[in-house]
Amino acid sequence: MGNSWRALATIAHEKLLRTPQLAPGEIFNLWCLRLSSLARMRLFNQAAAECTNLWAMLDSFHITDHSHDPINATVPFELWLLRARAKLWMNDAYGYLDELASLIRICKRRAKNPTVFGDPILWKDHACRIHLLIAGQLLDLEDFQGARKILNGLLSSTPLSETLILAAERTNFQSGHMESVQQSLNGGLSMNGLGSALRAIAEGRWGDAVTTLQALIAQDTGNLMAYNNLAVALLGSGQVEEATRTLEQALKTSPSAFLVAEPLIFNLATLYELRSSTASIKKHELLVEAARWSGDGIRGTCLKLSTS
């Protein structure tokens, strides 16, 4: 909660050196913590190197997905994901996609062997999560058709969830297919409030978007996504001051969550720039708050401060 990733990485390293060799489950969990902490600090080269060395060691024991030995059974799913993300850390986006595709096959095989690997429903959920990661990466690569194909396939083959529906909505909006989401949903299921607001923003119906998002915030004052989209809708309708106050209220409501989200910090700094007379003062105040709450891993560039 304090975003002290450097301290967490150090603690994980020290505990790894002291953990008995007969506790593989604890060792793997510590590795997850160590690698995740390094990644959060953007020490990607170091994280990728340590991850590669870890899996090289595991491979030296000839551990495969078909093995029934206790070590393989205790490798947590998050560690498999970190192995895939190591490709992304090394700027190999397509290698990352290949690793994720391999993980889907692993999840399917493990779902068929509940005696060794546990609840098959859990592994099916993991496979669904990986599909979402693949879709997100395809969006980053601007392969909108591929991302839409994956998400629309999930909509028709897996139980609908708010996360899945929202991901499909955002993908179709971003690719310009405004009507595709509703056509993909089974049983005439309507879009959630955030999805409706996104559609209104995409269509330039700023007033409808503002009304919907204000209702969402009234229901959940910690919904930072709603705050951000409300600021976008207000800015789109020309209400710069109100958009700024909206993000400032989000910062005041949940500073520890707001100040670890670089897009939110960047957007607030941008709104301050639109009020050019106070931009420098306000951004320096935001810097002080970020130093107080954000911890390790936040890039200073998101504050848009001049280095001169």
C-alpha atoms as a PDB file:
ATOM      1  CA  MET A   1       0.000   0.000   0.000  1.00  0.00           C
ATOM      2  CA  GLY A   2       2.963   2.304   0.549  1.00  0.00           C
ATOM      3  CA  ASN A   3       4.435   1.423  -2.880  1.00  0.00           C
ATOM      4  CA  SER A   4       7.806   0.750  -1.272  1.00  0.00           C
ATOM      5  CA  TRP A   5       8.873  -1.573  -4.056  1.00  0.00           C
ATOM      6  CA  ARG A   6      12.595  -1.224  -3.426  1.00  0.00           C
ATOM      7  CA  ALA A   7      12.173  -2.327   0.183  1.00  0.00           C
ATOM      8  CA  LEU A   8       9.956  -5.240  -0.911  1.00  0.00           C
ATOM      9  CA  ALA A   9      12.513  -6.375  -3.484  1.00  0.00           C
ATOM     10  CA  THR A  10      15.261  -6.273  -0.849  1.00  0.00           C
ATOM     11  CA  ILE A  11      13.190  -8.143   1.742  1.00  0.00           C
ATOM     12  CA  ALA A  12      12.247 -10.821  -0.803  1.00  0.00           C
ATOM     13  CA  HIS A  13      15.917 -11.284  -1.710  1.00  0.00           C
ATOM     14  CA  GLU A  14      16.942 -11.642   1.918  1.00  0.00           C
ATOM     15  CA  LYS A  15      14.161 -14.101   2.697  1.00  0.00           C
ATOM     16  CA  LEU A  16      15.020 -16.164  -0.391  1.00  0.00           C
ATOM     17  CA  LEU A  17      18.524 -16.652   0.978  1.00  0.00           C
ATOM     18  CA  ARG A  18      17.159 -17.824   4.348  1.00  0.00           C
ATOM     19  CA  THR A  19      14.222 -19.976   3.198  1.00  0.00           C
ATOM     20  CA  PRO A  20      14.817 -23.756   3.533  1.00  0.00           C
ATOM     21  CA  GLN A  21      15.158 -25.661   0.268  1.00  0.00           C
ATOM     22  CA  LEU A  22      12.273 -27.898   1.296  1.00  0.00           C
ATOM     23  CA  ALA A  23       9.770 -25.023   1.039  1.00  0.00           C
ATOM     24  CA  PRO A  24       9.332 -24.572  -2.744  1.00  0.00           C
ATOM     25  CA  GLY A  25       5.907 -22.934  -2.404  1.00  0.00           C
ATOM     26  CA  GLU A  26       7.280 -20.128  -0.230  1.00  0.00           C
ATOM     27  CA  ILE A  27      10.331 -19.768  -2.470  1.00  0.00           C
ATOM     28  CA  PHE A  28       8.187 -19.338  -5.585  1.00  0.00           C
ATOM     29  CA  ASN A  29       5.968 -16.765  -3.872  1.00  0.00           C
ATOM     30  CA  LEU A  30       9.029 -14.788  -2.840  1.00  0.00           C
ATOM     31  CA  TRP A  31      10.272 -14.868  -6.427  1.00  0.00           C
ATOM     32  CA  CYS A  32       6.906 -13.474  -7.579  1.00  0.00           C
ATOM     33  CA  LEU A  33       7.258 -10.647  -5.083  1.00  0.00           C
ATOM     34  CA  ARG A  34      10.874  -9.973  -6.036  1.00  0.00           C
ATOM     35  CA  LEU A  35      10.270  -9.862  -9.802  1.00  0.00           C
ATOM     36  CA  SER A  36       7.059  -7.841  -9.509  1.00  0.00           C
ATOM     37  CA  SER A  37       8.806  -5.277  -7.311  1.00  0.00           C
ATOM     38  CA  LEU A  38      11.687  -4.898  -9.763  1.00  0.00           C
ATOM     39  CA  ALA A  39       9.220  -4.424 -12.609  1.00  0.00           C
ATOM     40  CA  ARG A  40       7.267  -1.791 -10.680  1.00  0.00           C
ATOM     41  CA  MET A  41      10.514   0.161 -10.303  1.00  0.00           C
ATOM     42  CA  ARG A  42      11.077  -0.256 -14.067  1.00  0.00           C
ATOM     43  CA  LEU A  43      14.282  -2.184 -13.512  1.00  0.00           C
ATOM     44  CA  PHE A  44      13.266  -4.315 -16.468  1.00  0.00           C
ATOM     45  CA  ASN A  45      16.721  -5.539 -17.463  1.00  0.00           C
ATOM     46  CA  GLN A  46      17.445  -6.811 -13.971  1.00  0.00           C
ATOM     47  CA  ALA A  47      13.996  -8.364 -13.620  1.00  0.00           C
ATOM     48  CA  ALA A  48      14.280 -10.109 -16.991  1.00  0.00           C
ATOM     49  CA  ALA A  49      17.772 -11.422 -16.178  1.00  0.00           C
ATOM     50  CA  GLU A  50      16.707 -12.822 -12.797  1.00  0.00           C
ATOM     51  CA  CYS A  51      13.561 -14.355 -14.284  1.00  0.00           C
ATOM     52  CA  THR A  52      15.565 -15.997 -17.071  1.00  0.00           C
ATOM     53  CA  ASN A  53      18.064 -17.432 -14.577  1.00  0.00           C
ATOM     54  CA  LEU A  54      15.271 -18.767 -12.364  1.00  0.00           C
ATOM     55  CA  TRP A  55      13.588 -20.630 -15.209  1.00  0.00           C
ATOM     56  CA  ALA A  56      16.924 -21.887 -16.508  1.00  0.00           C
ATOM     57  CA  MET A  57      17.439 -23.460 -13.094  1.00  0.00           C
ATOM     58  CA  LEU A  58      13.968 -25.029 -13.141  1.00  0.00           C
ATOM     59  CA  ASP A  59      14.499 -26.340 -16.656  1.00  0.00           C
ATOM     60  CA  SER A  60      17.740 -27.963 -15.511  1.00  0.00           C
ATOM     61  CA  PHE A  61      15.600 -30.256 -13.346  1.00  0.00           C
ATOM     62  CA  HIS A  62      13.682 -31.290 -16.497  1.00  0.00           C
ATOM     63  CA  ILE A  63      10.436 -29.979 -15.053  1.00  0.00           C
ATOM     64  CA  THR A  64       7.669 -30.075 -17.649  1.00  0.00           C
ATOM     65  CA  ASP A  65       3.969 -29.367 -17.506  1.00  0.00           C
ATOM     66  CA  HIS A  66       3.256 -33.100 -17.680  1.00  0.00           C
ATOM     67  CA  SER A  67       5.417 -33.816 -14.638  1.00  0.00           C
ATOM     68  CA  HIS A  68       3.739 -34.949 -11.430  1.00  0.00           C
ATOM     69  CA  ASP A  69       6.574 -33.938  -9.139  1.00  0.00           C
ATOM     70  CA  PRO A  70       5.694 -31.663  -6.201  1.00  0.00           C
ATOM     71  CA  ILE A  71       7.923 -28.787  -7.334  1.00  0.00           C
ATOM     72  CA  ASN A  72       6.122 -28.355 -10.652  1.00  0.00           C
ATOM     73  CA  ALA A  73       2.737 -28.528  -8.952  1.00  0.00           C
ATOM     74  CA  THR A  74       3.650 -25.625  -6.655  1.00  0.00           C
ATOM     75  CA  VAL A  75       4.802 -23.184  -9.358  1.00  0.00           C
ATOM     76  CA  PRO A  76       2.187 -20.404  -8.999  1.00  0.00           C
ATOM     77  CA  PHE A  77       0.350 -19.042 -11.985  1.00  0.00           C
ATOM     78  CA  GLU A  78       1.739 -15.548 -11.342  1.00  0.00           C
ATOM     79  CA  LEU A  79       5.271 -16.853 -11.830  1.00  0.00           C
ATOM     80  CA  TRP A  80       4.305 -18.297 -15.212  1.00  0.00           C
ATOM     81  CA  LEU A  81       2.909 -14.873 -16.127  1.00  0.00           C
ATOM     82  CA  LEU A  82       6.111 -13.163 -15.035  1.00  0.00           C
ATOM     83  CA  ARG A  83       8.066 -15.527 -17.259  1.00  0.00           C
ATOM     84  CA  ALA A  84       5.944 -14.371 -20.194  1.00  0.00           C
ATOM     85  CA  ARG A  85       6.275 -10.704 -19.252  1.00  0.00           C
ATOM     86  CA  ALA A  86      10.043 -11.035 -19.256  1.00  0.00           C
ATOM     87  CA  LYS A  87       9.762 -11.021 -23.055  1.00  0.00           C
ATOM     88  CA  LEU A  88       7.893  -7.727 -22.906  1.00  0.00           C
ATOM     89  CA  TRP A  89      10.488  -6.302 -20.530  1.00  0.00           C
ATOM     90  CA  MET A  90      13.072  -7.085 -23.232  1.00  0.00           C
ATOM     91  CA  ASN A  91      10.941  -5.277 -25.857  1.00  0.00           C
ATOM     92  CA  ASP A  92       9.936  -8.504 -27.570  1.00  0.00           C
ATOM     93  CA  ALA A  93       6.200  -7.925 -27.981  1.00  0.00           C
ATOM     94  CA  TYR A  94       5.619 -10.854 -30.320  1.00  0.00           C
ATOM     95  CA  GLY A  95       7.658 -13.157 -28.106  1.00  0.00           C
ATOM     96  CA  TYR A  96       5.354 -12.073 -25.271  1.00  0.00           C
ATOM     97  CA  LEU A  97       2.333 -13.091 -27.344  1.00  0.00           C
ATOM     98  CA  ASP A  98       3.938 -16.485 -28.050  1.00  0.00           C
ATOM     99  CA  GLU A  99       4.548 -17.047 -24.341  1.00  0.00           C
ATOM    100  CA  LEU A 100       0.946 -16.123 -23.517  1.00  0.00           C
ATOM    101  CA  ALA A 101      -0.313 -18.563 -26.153  1.00  0.00           C
ATOM    102  CA  SER A 102       1.820 -21.288 -24.559  1.00  0.00           C
ATOM    103  CA  LEU A 103       0.329 -20.405 -21.173  1.00  0.00           C
ATOM    104  CA  ILE A 104      -3.184 -20.933 -22.519  1.00  0.00           C
ATOM    105  CA  ARG A 105      -2.192 -24.454 -23.580  1.00  0.00           C
ATOM    106  CA  ILE A 106      -0.718 -25.073 -20.118  1.00  0.00           C
ATOM    107  CA  CYS A 107      -3.942 -23.885 -18.461  1.00  0.00           C
ATOM    108  CA  LYS A 108      -6.031 -26.178 -20.623  1.00  0.00           C
ATOM    109  CA  ARG A 109      -3.842 -29.184 -19.824  1.00  0.00           C
ATOM    110  CA  ARG A 110      -3.884 -28.414 -16.114  1.00  0.00           C
ATOM    111  CA  ALA A 111      -7.654 -28.015 -16.128  1.00  0.00           C
ATOM    112  CA  LYS A 112      -7.842 -31.633 -17.324  1.00  0.00           C
ATOM    113  CA  ASN A 113      -5.745 -32.875 -14.383  1.00  0.00           C
ATOM    114  CA  PRO A 114      -7.446 -31.572 -11.202  1.00  0.00           C
ATOM    115  CA  THR A 115      -5.861 -34.289  -9.051  1.00  0.00           C
ATOM    116  CA  VAL A 116      -2.429 -32.685  -9.421  1.00  0.00           C
ATOM    117  CA  PHE A 117      -3.180 -29.057 -10.287  1.00  0.00           C
ATOM    118  CA  GLY A 118      -6.388 -28.294  -8.403  1.00  0.00           C
ATOM    119  CA  ASP A 119      -9.731 -26.782  -9.344  1.00  0.00           C
ATOM    120  CA  PRO A 120     -10.214 -26.868 -13.158  1.00  0.00           C
ATOM    121  CA  ILE A 121     -12.500 -23.825 -12.977  1.00  0.00           C
ATOM    122  CA  LEU A 122      -9.574 -21.811 -11.618  1.00  0.00           C
ATOM    123  CA  TRP A 123      -7.383 -22.777 -14.567  1.00  0.00           C
ATOM    124  CA  LYS A 124     -10.187 -21.888 -16.985  1.00  0.00           C
ATOM    125  CA  ASP A 125     -10.365 -18.467 -15.310  1.00  0.00           C
ATOM    126  CA  HIS A 126      -6.597 -18.152 -15.752  1.00  0.00           C
ATOM    127  CA  ALA A 127      -6.989 -18.943 -19.464  1.00  0.00           C
ATOM    128  CA  CYS A 128      -9.663 -16.247 -19.756  1.00  0.00           C
ATOM    129  CA  ARG A 129      -7.332 -13.758 -18.064  1.00  0.00           C
ATOM    130  CA  ILE A 130      -4.551 -14.616 -20.513  1.00  0.00           C
ATOM    131  CA  HIS A 131      -6.905 -14.062 -23.444  1.00  0.00           C
ATOM    132  CA  LEU A 132      -7.562 -10.573 -22.045  1.00  0.00           C
ATOM    133  CA  LEU A 133      -3.815  -9.936 -21.809  1.00  0.00           C
ATOM    134  CA  ILE A 134      -3.368 -11.048 -25.422  1.00  0.00           C
ATOM    135  CA  ALA A 135      -6.166  -8.721 -26.522  1.00  0.00           C
ATOM    136  CA  GLY A 136      -4.555  -5.843 -24.639  1.00  0.00           C
ATOM    137  CA  GLN A 137      -1.199  -6.480 -26.266  1.00  0.00           C
ATOM    138  CA  LEU A 138      -2.797  -6.668 -29.711  1.00  0.00           C
ATOM    139  CA  LEU A 139      -4.374  -3.278 -29.027  1.00  0.00           C
ATOM    140  CA  ASP A 140      -0.942  -1.889 -28.188  1.00  0.00           C
ATOM    141  CA  LEU A 141       0.235  -3.268 -31.538  1.00  0.00           C
ATOM    142  CA  GLU A 142      -2.823  -1.653 -33.181  1.00  0.00           C
ATOM    143  CA  ASP A 143      -4.156  -5.020 -34.310  1.00  0.00           C
ATOM    144  CA  PHE A 144      -7.762  -4.057 -33.608  1.00  0.00           C
ATOM    145  CA  GLN A 145      -9.255  -6.888 -35.646  1.00  0.00           C
ATOM    146  CA  GLY A 146      -7.286  -9.519 -33.735  1.00  0.00           C
ATOM    147  CA  ALA A 147      -8.213  -8.014 -30.369  1.00  0.00           C
ATOM    148  CA  ARG A 148     -11.902  -7.837 -31.319  1.00  0.00           C
ATOM    149  CA  LYS A 149     -11.878 -11.445 -32.499  1.00  0.00           C
ATOM    150  CA  ILE A 150     -10.456 -12.679 -29.190  1.00  0.00           C
ATOM    151  CA  LEU A 151     -12.792 -10.644 -26.988  1.00  0.00           C
ATOM    152  CA  ASN A 152     -15.923 -11.349 -28.986  1.00  0.00           C
ATOM    153  CA  GLY A 153     -15.032 -15.030 -28.849  1.00  0.00           C
ATOM    154  CA  LEU A 154     -14.784 -14.821 -25.060  1.00  0.00           C
ATOM    155  CA  LEU A 155     -18.163 -13.092 -24.888  1.00  0.00           C
ATOM    156  CA  SER A 156     -19.793 -16.026 -26.649  1.00  0.00           C
ATOM    157  CA  SER A 157     -17.934 -18.849 -24.874  1.00  0.00           C
ATOM    158  CA  THR A 158     -17.416 -17.797 -21.239  1.00  0.00           C
ATOM    159  CA  PRO A 159     -19.652 -16.487 -18.448  1.00  0.00           C
ATOM    160  CA  LEU A 160     -20.101 -12.753 -18.829  1.00  0.00           C
ATOM    161  CA  SER A 161     -18.400 -10.513 -16.295  1.00  0.00           C
ATOM    162  CA  GLU A 162     -18.157  -6.758 -15.917  1.00  0.00           C
ATOM    163  CA  THR A 163     -14.424  -6.855 -16.662  1.00  0.00           C
ATOM    164  CA  LEU A 164     -14.898  -8.845 -19.850  1.00  0.00           C
ATOM    165  CA  ILE A 165     -17.781  -6.714 -21.116  1.00  0.00           C
ATOM    166  CA  LEU A 166     -15.940  -3.476 -20.400  1.00  0.00           C
ATOM    167  CA  ALA A 167     -12.797  -4.743 -22.157  1.00  0.00           C
ATOM    168  CA  ALA A 168     -14.856  -5.668 -25.222  1.00  0.00           C
ATOM    169  CA  GLU A 169     -16.619  -2.309 -25.178  1.00  0.00           C
ATOM    170  CA  ARG A 170     -13.401  -0.327 -25.011  1.00  0.00           C
ATOM    171  CA  THR A 171     -11.815  -2.432 -27.781  1.00  0.00           C
ATOM    172  CA  ASN A 172     -14.750  -2.003 -30.129  1.00  0.00           C
ATOM    173  CA  PHE A 173     -14.970   1.721 -29.394  1.00  0.00           C
ATOM    174  CA  GLN A 174     -11.259   2.156 -30.016  1.00  0.00           C
ATOM    175  CA  SER A 175     -11.506   0.278 -33.312  1.00  0.00           C
ATOM    176  CA  GLY A 176     -14.572   2.246 -34.400  1.00  0.00           C
ATOM    177  CA  HIS A 177     -17.113  -0.600 -34.142  1.00  0.00           C
ATOM    178  CA  MET A 178     -19.647   1.188 -32.005  1.00  0.00           C
ATOM    179  CA  GLU A 179     -22.432  -1.370 -32.314  1.00  0.00           C
ATOM    180  CA  SER A 180     -20.434  -4.584 -32.092  1.00  0.00           C
ATOM    181  CA  VAL A 181     -20.484  -5.004 -28.305  1.00  0.00           C
ATOM    182  CA  GLN A 182     -24.224  -5.019 -27.894  1.00  0.00           C
ATOM    183  CA  GLN A 183     -24.574  -7.474 -30.782  1.00  0.00           C
ATOM    184  CA  SER A 184     -22.032  -9.798 -29.140  1.00  0.00           C
ATOM    185  CA  LEU A 185     -23.806 -10.001 -25.777  1.00  0.00           C
ATOM    186  CA  ASN A 186     -26.077 -12.974 -25.138  1.00  0.00           C
ATOM    187  CA  GLY A 187     -29.667 -12.591 -24.042  1.00  0.00           C
ATOM    188  CA  GLY A 188     -29.862  -8.876 -24.767  1.00  0.00           C
ATOM    189  CA  LEU A 189     -27.723  -8.016 -21.740  1.00  0.00           C
ATOM    190  CA  SER A 190     -27.347  -4.249 -21.468  1.00  0.00           C
ATOM    191  CA  MET A 191     -24.043  -2.499 -21.025  1.00  0.00           C
ATOM    192  CA  ASN A 192     -22.928  -1.390 -17.576  1.00  0.00           C
ATOM    193  CA  GLY A 193     -22.853   2.251 -16.548  1.00  0.00           C
ATOM    194  CA  LEU A 194     -19.201   2.817 -17.413  1.00  0.00           C
ATOM    195  CA  GLY A 195     -19.661   1.242 -20.829  1.00  0.00           C
ATOM    196  CA  SER A 196     -22.669   3.452 -21.525  1.00  0.00           C
ATOM    197  CA  ALA A 197     -20.630   6.495 -20.525  1.00  0.00           C
ATOM    198  CA  LEU A 198     -17.784   5.470 -22.831  1.00  0.00           C
ATOM    199  CA  ARG A 199     -20.223   5.148 -25.716  1.00  0.00           C
ATOM    200  CA  ALA A 200     -21.660   8.588 -24.943  1.00  0.00           C
ATOM    201  CA  ILE A 201     -18.142  10.078 -24.905  1.00  0.00           C
ATOM    202  CA  ALA A 202     -17.275   8.381 -28.193  1.00  0.00           C
ATOM    203  CA  GLU A 203     -20.448   9.786 -29.767  1.00  0.00           C
ATOM    204  CA  GLY A 204     -19.912  13.264 -28.326  1.00  0.00           C
ATOM    205  CA  ARG A 205     -22.944  13.123 -26.013  1.00  0.00           C
ATOM    206  CA  TRP A 206     -21.102  14.888 -23.214  1.00  0.00           C
ATOM    207  CA  GLY A 207     -24.164  15.643 -21.079  1.00  0.00           C
ATOM    208  CA  ASP A 208     -25.283  11.995 -21.021  1.00  0.00           C
ATOM    209  CA  ALA A 209     -21.753  10.876 -20.157  1.00  0.00           C
ATOM    210  CA  VAL A 210     -21.501  13.401 -17.307  1.00  0.00           C
ATOM    211  CA  THR A 211     -24.838  12.324 -15.830  1.00  0.00           C
ATOM    212  CA  THR A 212     -23.962   8.608 -15.990  1.00  0.00           C
ATOM    213  CA  LEU A 213     -20.481   9.047 -14.524  1.00  0.00           C
ATOM    214  CA  GLN A 214     -21.673  11.297 -11.710  1.00  0.00           C
ATOM    215  CA  ALA A 215     -24.155   8.566 -10.760  1.00  0.00           C
ATOM    216  CA  LEU A 216     -21.369   5.976 -10.749  1.00  0.00           C
ATOM    217  CA  ILE A 217     -19.213   8.154  -8.490  1.00  0.00           C
ATOM    218  CA  ALA A 218     -22.143   8.682  -6.123  1.00  0.00           C
ATOM    219  CA  GLN A 219     -22.381   4.890  -5.812  1.00  0.00           C
ATOM    220  CA  ASP A 220     -18.635   4.389  -5.400  1.00  0.00           C
ATOM    221  CA  THR A 221     -16.528   7.394  -4.433  1.00  0.00           C
ATOM    222  CA  GLY A 222     -13.355   5.357  -4.953  1.00  0.00           C
ATOM    223  CA  ASN A 223     -14.015   4.647  -8.654  1.00  0.00           C
ATOM    224  CA  LEU A 224     -11.005   6.429 -10.151  1.00  0.00           C
ATOM    225  CA  MET A 225     -11.856   5.285 -13.681  1.00  0.00           C
ATOM    226  CA  ALA A 226     -15.212   7.033 -13.405  1.00  0.00           C
ATOM    227  CA  TYR A 227     -13.533  10.189 -12.117  1.00  0.00           C
ATOM    228  CA  ASN A 228     -11.083  10.180 -15.019  1.00  0.00           C
ATOM    229  CA  ASN A 229     -13.764   9.663 -17.647  1.00  0.00           C
ATOM    230  CA  LEU A 230     -15.929  12.325 -16.018  1.00  0.00           C
ATOM    231  CA  ALA A 231     -13.033  14.769 -16.341  1.00  0.00           C
ATOM    232  CA  VAL A 232     -12.727  13.828 -20.029  1.00  0.00           C
ATOM    233  CA  ALA A 233     -16.453  14.390 -20.582  1.00  0.00           C
ATOM    234  CA  LEU A 234     -16.362  17.746 -18.791  1.00  0.00           C
ATOM    235  CA  LEU A 235     -13.319  18.828 -20.790  1.00  0.00           C
ATOM    236  CA  GLY A 236     -15.076  17.775 -23.991  1.00  0.00           C
ATOM    237  CA  SER A 237     -18.003  20.011 -23.113  1.00  0.00           C
ATOM    238  CA  GLY A 238     -15.666  22.938 -22.438  1.00  0.00           C
ATOM    239  CA  GLN A 239     -15.830  22.859 -18.618  1.00  0.00           C
ATOM    240  CA  VAL A 240     -12.122  22.994 -17.885  1.00  0.00           C
ATOM    241  CA  GLU A 241     -12.471  24.284 -14.318  1.00  0.00           C
ATOM    242  CA  GLU A 242     -15.004  21.595 -13.417  1.00  0.00           C
ATOM    243  CA  ALA A 243     -12.854  18.880 -15.015  1.00  0.00           C
ATOM    244  CA  THR A 244      -9.897  20.046 -12.928  1.00  0.00           C
ATOM    245  CA  ARG A 245     -11.958  20.037  -9.733  1.00  0.00           C
ATOM    246  CA  THR A 246     -13.151  16.516 -10.548  1.00  0.00           C
ATOM    247  CA  LEU A 247      -9.624  15.096 -10.664  1.00  0.00           C
ATOM    248  CA  GLU A 248      -8.610  17.127  -7.616  1.00  0.00           C
ATOM    249  CA  GLN A 249     -11.549  15.579  -5.758  1.00  0.00           C
ATOM    250  CA  ALA A 250     -10.399  12.120  -6.844  1.00  0.00           C
ATOM    251  CA  LEU A 251      -6.926  12.953  -5.534  1.00  0.00           C
ATOM    252  CA  LYS A 252      -8.360  14.139  -2.235  1.00  0.00           C
ATOM    253  CA  THR A 253     -10.623  11.085  -1.891  1.00  0.00           C
ATOM    254  CA  SER A 254      -7.958   8.461  -2.519  1.00  0.00           C
ATOM    255  CA  PRO A 255      -4.434   9.940  -2.741  1.00  0.00           C
ATOM    256  CA  SER A 256      -2.602   6.637  -2.302  1.00  0.00           C
ATOM    257  CA  ALA A 257      -4.439   5.108  -5.288  1.00  0.00           C
ATOM    258  CA  PHE A 258      -4.513   8.257  -7.452  1.00  0.00           C
ATOM    259  CA  LEU A 259      -0.803   9.013  -7.168  1.00  0.00           C
ATOM    260  CA  VAL A 260       0.337   5.587  -8.366  1.00  0.00           C
ATOM    261  CA  ALA A 261      -1.699   5.916 -11.581  1.00  0.00           C
ATOM    262  CA  GLU A 262       0.468   7.839 -14.040  1.00  0.00           C
ATOM    263  CA  PRO A 263      -2.371   8.524 -16.542  1.00  0.00           C
ATOM    264  CA  LEU A 264      -4.354  10.285 -13.805  1.00  0.00           C
ATOM    265  CA  ILE A 265      -1.355  12.377 -12.764  1.00  0.00           C
ATOM    266  CA  PHE A 266      -0.622  13.222 -16.403  1.00  0.00           C
ATOM    267  CA  ASN A 267      -4.237  14.222 -17.057  1.00  0.00           C
ATOM    268  CA  LEU A 268      -4.379  16.478 -13.997  1.00  0.00           C
ATOM    269  CA  ALA A 269      -1.081  18.104 -14.970  1.00  0.00           C
ATOM    270  CA  THR A 270      -2.481  18.687 -18.459  1.00  0.00           C
ATOM    271  CA  LEU A 271      -5.587  20.342 -17.032  1.00  0.00           C
ATOM    272  CA  TYR A 272      -3.361  22.592 -14.950  1.00  0.00           C
ATOM    273  CA  GLU A 273      -1.534  23.607 -18.136  1.00  0.00           C
ATOM    274  CA  LEU A 274      -4.840  24.685 -19.644  1.00  0.00           C
ATOM    275  CA  ARG A 275      -4.995  27.151 -16.743  1.00  0.00           C
ATOM    276  CA  SER A 276      -1.641  28.619 -17.724  1.00  0.00           C
ATOM    277  CA  SER A 277      -1.557  31.293 -15.034  1.00  0.00           C
ATOM    278  CA  THR A 278      -1.277  28.770 -12.197  1.00  0.00           C
ATOM    279  CA  ALA A 279       0.100  25.707 -13.991  1.00  0.00           C
ATOM    280  CA  SER A 280       3.629  25.814 -12.570  1.00  0.00           C
ATOM    281  CA  ILE A 281       2.490  26.325  -8.968  1.00  0.00           C
ATOM    282  CA  LYS A 282      -0.164  23.621  -9.176  1.00  0.00           C
ATOM    283  CA  LYS A 283       2.183  21.076 -10.742  1.00  0.00           C
ATOM    284  CA  HIS A 284       4.777  21.680  -8.034  1.00  0.00           C
ATOM    285  CA  GLU A 285       2.072  21.108  -5.417  1.00  0.00           C
ATOM    286  CA  LEU A 286       1.195  17.883  -7.233  1.00  0.00           C
ATOM    287  CA  LEU A 287       4.882  16.907  -7.145  1.00  0.00           C
ATOM    288  CA  VAL A 288       4.916  17.316  -3.359  1.00  0.00           C
ATOM    289  CA  GLU A 289       1.848  15.099  -3.011  1.00  0.00           C
ATOM    290  CA  ALA A 290       3.343  12.512  -5.365  1.00  0.00           C
ATOM    291  CA  ALA A 291       6.539  12.433  -3.314  1.00  0.00           C
ATOM    292  CA  ARG A 292       4.433  11.863  -0.212  1.00  0.00           C
ATOM    293  CA  TRP A 293       2.173   9.102  -1.521  1.00  0.00           C
ATOM    294  CA  SER A 294       3.479   7.480  -4.692  1.00  0.00           C
ATOM    295  CA  GLY A 295       6.518   5.628  -3.342  1.00  0.00           C
ATOM    296  CA  ASP A 296       8.873   3.919  -5.822  1.00  0.00           C
ATOM    297  CA  GLY A 297       8.319   3.466  -9.532  1.00  0.00           C
ATOM    298  CA  ILE A 298       6.549   6.644 -10.657  1.00  0.00           C
ATOM    299  CA  ARG A 299       8.152   8.419 -13.623  1.00  0.00           C
ATOM    300  CA  GLY A 300       8.623  12.130 -13.063  1.00  0.00           C
ATOM    301  CA  THR A 301       7.745  12.841 -16.695  1.00  0.00           C
ATOM    302  CA  CYS A 302       4.044  12.265 -15.971  1.00  0.00           C
ATOM    303  CA  LEU A 303       4.075  15.526 -13.974  1.00  0.00           C
ATOM    304  CA  LYS A 304       5.117  17.446 -17.123  1.00  0.00           C
ATOM    305  CA  LEU A 305       7.512  19.656 -15.179  1.00  0.00           C
ATOM    306  CA  SER A 306      10.124  21.676 -17.010  1.00  0.00           C
ATOM    307  CA  THR A 307      13.739  20.679 -16.323  1.00  0.00           C
ATOM    308  CA  SER A 308      15.063  24.154 -17.023  1.00  0.00           C
END
